[in-house]
Amino acid sequence: MNPLVPRNIEKYQKHYSDSRLLSKIGKTFRKAGIKAVHLVLILYYVLADKNTPKRHKALIIGTLGYFILPFDLVPDLLPALGYTDDMAALAACIKAVYDNVTPAVKHNARQKLHTWFGMEDCGKVDEI
């Protein structure tokens, strides 16, 4: 297990809400970059899919709750290092729920990136 990913990440579910997530994305983009936002959006759309199993939804909500918190294993306020634990948690969660990352989920995440950030070529975001 990655030492940057907290055990029992589901305990962070209480910190998740759509409005908190959107606020964090706005603050994160400049510091953590487009890749972090892309991973968050992938998880958001997997969460919204009615076919996603409840156990995966619980994991996603916990991971997004962890992402929302500014003070976690590595505080987000630290330059260059602040989002390393968040990125590790997001990547681990995507790996765990990858069977639910459909082409539609990927399309929706890329469309949202284009809408929010005006990226003409969303292909610059690495595929997961």
Protein backbone atom coordinates (compact mmCIF):
# COMPACT_ATOMS: atom_id res chain seq x y z
CA MET A 1 0.00 0.00 0.00
CA ASN A 2 1.17 3.52 -0.81
CA PRO A 3 2.27 5.29 2.40
CA LEU A 4 0.72 8.52 1.11
CA VAL A 5 -2.76 6.99 0.94
CA PRO A 6 -4.49 6.88 4.32
CA ARG A 7 -5.95 3.63 5.53
CA ASN A 8 -9.73 3.49 5.87
CA ILE A 9 -10.16 6.42 3.52
CA GLU A 10 -13.93 5.95 3.75
CA LYS A 11 -13.82 7.80 7.09
CA TYR A 12 -13.41 11.04 5.11
CA GLN A 13 -16.89 10.71 3.60
CA LYS A 14 -18.30 13.28 6.01
CA HIS A 15 -16.18 15.96 4.34
CA TYR A 16 -17.68 15.40 0.88
CA SER A 17 -20.32 17.53 -0.77
CA ASP A 18 -20.71 18.68 -4.35
CA SER A 19 -20.34 22.34 -3.38
CA ARG A 20 -17.18 21.70 -1.34
CA LEU A 21 -15.74 19.67 -4.20
CA LEU A 22 -16.38 22.44 -6.74
CA SER A 23 -14.82 25.00 -4.42
CA LYS A 24 -11.74 22.82 -3.93
CA ILE A 25 -11.38 22.25 -7.68
CA GLY A 26 -11.33 26.02 -8.22
CA LYS A 27 -8.60 26.44 -5.62
CA THR A 28 -6.66 23.35 -6.69
CA PHE A 29 -6.31 23.96 -10.39
CA ARG A 30 -3.59 26.58 -10.03
CA LYS A 31 -1.59 24.61 -7.45
CA ALA A 32 -2.09 20.94 -8.29
CA GLY A 33 -2.69 21.27 -12.01
CA ILE A 34 -5.04 19.94 -14.60
CA LYS A 35 -4.12 16.29 -13.93
CA ALA A 36 -5.50 16.46 -10.39
CA VAL A 37 -8.72 18.06 -11.62
CA HIS A 38 -9.00 15.40 -14.31
CA LEU A 39 -8.68 12.58 -11.74
CA VAL A 40 -11.28 14.26 -9.52
CA LEU A 41 -13.69 14.58 -12.44
CA ILE A 42 -13.21 10.93 -13.42
CA LEU A 43 -14.16 9.91 -9.87
CA TYR A 44 -17.05 12.37 -9.78
CA TYR A 45 -18.58 10.90 -12.92
CA VAL A 46 -18.02 7.31 -11.76
CA LEU A 47 -19.79 8.28 -8.53
CA ALA A 48 -22.73 9.73 -10.50
CA ASP A 49 -23.13 6.55 -12.57
CA LYS A 50 -26.09 4.53 -11.30
CA ASN A 51 -24.28 1.30 -12.23
CA THR A 52 -21.36 1.93 -9.86
CA PRO A 53 -21.49 -0.50 -6.91
CA LYS A 54 -22.18 1.00 -3.48
CA ARG A 55 -18.81 -0.15 -2.13
CA HIS A 56 -17.06 1.78 -4.91
CA LYS A 57 -19.23 4.83 -4.26
CA ALA A 58 -18.23 4.71 -0.58
CA LEU A 59 -14.55 4.59 -1.55
CA ILE A 60 -14.96 7.47 -4.01
CA ILE A 61 -16.84 9.66 -1.52
CA GLY A 62 -14.13 9.00 1.08
CA THR A 63 -11.38 9.82 -1.41
CA LEU A 64 -13.07 13.02 -2.58
CA GLY A 65 -13.70 13.97 1.06
CA TYR A 66 -9.99 13.49 1.73
CA PHE A 67 -9.18 15.62 -1.33
CA ILE A 68 -11.40 18.42 -0.02
CA LEU A 69 -9.61 18.62 3.34
CA PRO A 70 -6.74 21.15 3.30
CA PHE A 71 -4.98 19.50 6.24
CA ASP A 72 -4.29 15.83 5.68
CA LEU A 73 -1.16 13.66 5.62
CA VAL A 74 0.69 16.32 3.62
CA PRO A 75 -1.00 19.73 4.07
CA ASP A 76 -2.11 21.23 0.75
CA LEU A 77 -0.54 24.55 1.70
CA LEU A 78 3.00 23.20 1.30
CA PRO A 79 4.50 24.30 -2.02
CA ALA A 80 5.29 21.49 -4.46
CA LEU A 81 4.48 18.71 -1.95
CA GLY A 82 1.01 19.69 -0.76
CA TYR A 83 -0.94 17.62 -3.24
CA THR A 84 1.25 14.52 -3.44
CA ASP A 85 -0.89 12.61 -0.96
CA ASP A 86 -4.08 13.76 -2.67
CA MET A 87 -2.78 12.63 -6.06
CA ALA A 88 -1.76 9.27 -4.59
CA ALA A 89 -5.20 8.81 -3.03
CA LEU A 90 -6.98 9.82 -6.25
CA ALA A 91 -4.84 7.45 -8.35
CA ALA A 92 -5.31 4.56 -5.90
CA CYS A 93 -9.06 5.10 -5.90
CA ILE A 94 -9.23 5.16 -9.69
CA LYS A 95 -7.24 1.93 -9.77
CA ALA A 96 -9.68 0.34 -7.32
CA VAL A 97 -12.79 1.39 -9.27
CA TYR A 98 -11.29 1.23 -12.77
CA ASP A 99 -13.87 -1.27 -14.04
CA ASN A 100 -16.41 1.54 -13.68
CA VAL A 101 -14.38 4.08 -15.67
CA THR A 102 -16.37 3.85 -18.88
CA PRO A 103 -15.78 5.72 -22.13
CA ALA A 104 -18.76 7.92 -21.18
CA VAL A 105 -17.11 8.81 -17.85
CA LYS A 106 -13.87 9.74 -19.63
CA HIS A 107 -15.77 11.77 -22.20
CA ASN A 108 -17.75 13.67 -19.55
CA ALA A 109 -14.58 14.47 -17.57
CA ARG A 110 -12.79 15.76 -20.66
CA GLN A 111 -15.83 17.80 -21.72
CA LYS A 112 -15.97 19.42 -18.27
CA LEU A 113 -12.26 20.27 -18.47
CA HIS A 114 -12.91 21.89 -21.83
CA THR A 115 -15.92 23.82 -20.51
CA TRP A 116 -14.24 25.04 -17.33
CA PHE A 117 -10.75 25.75 -18.56
CA GLY A 118 -11.30 26.38 -22.26
CA MET A 119 -8.74 23.81 -23.22
CA GLU A 120 -8.94 23.42 -26.97
CA ASP A 121 -6.92 20.22 -26.85
CA CYS A 122 -7.90 18.14 -23.83
CA GLY A 123 -5.62 15.48 -25.28
CA LYS A 124 -2.83 17.13 -23.28
CA VAL A 125 -4.29 15.43 -20.21
CA ASP A 126 -2.76 11.97 -19.92
CA GLU A 127 -5.18 9.11 -20.28
CA ILE A 128 -5.75 7.09 -17.16
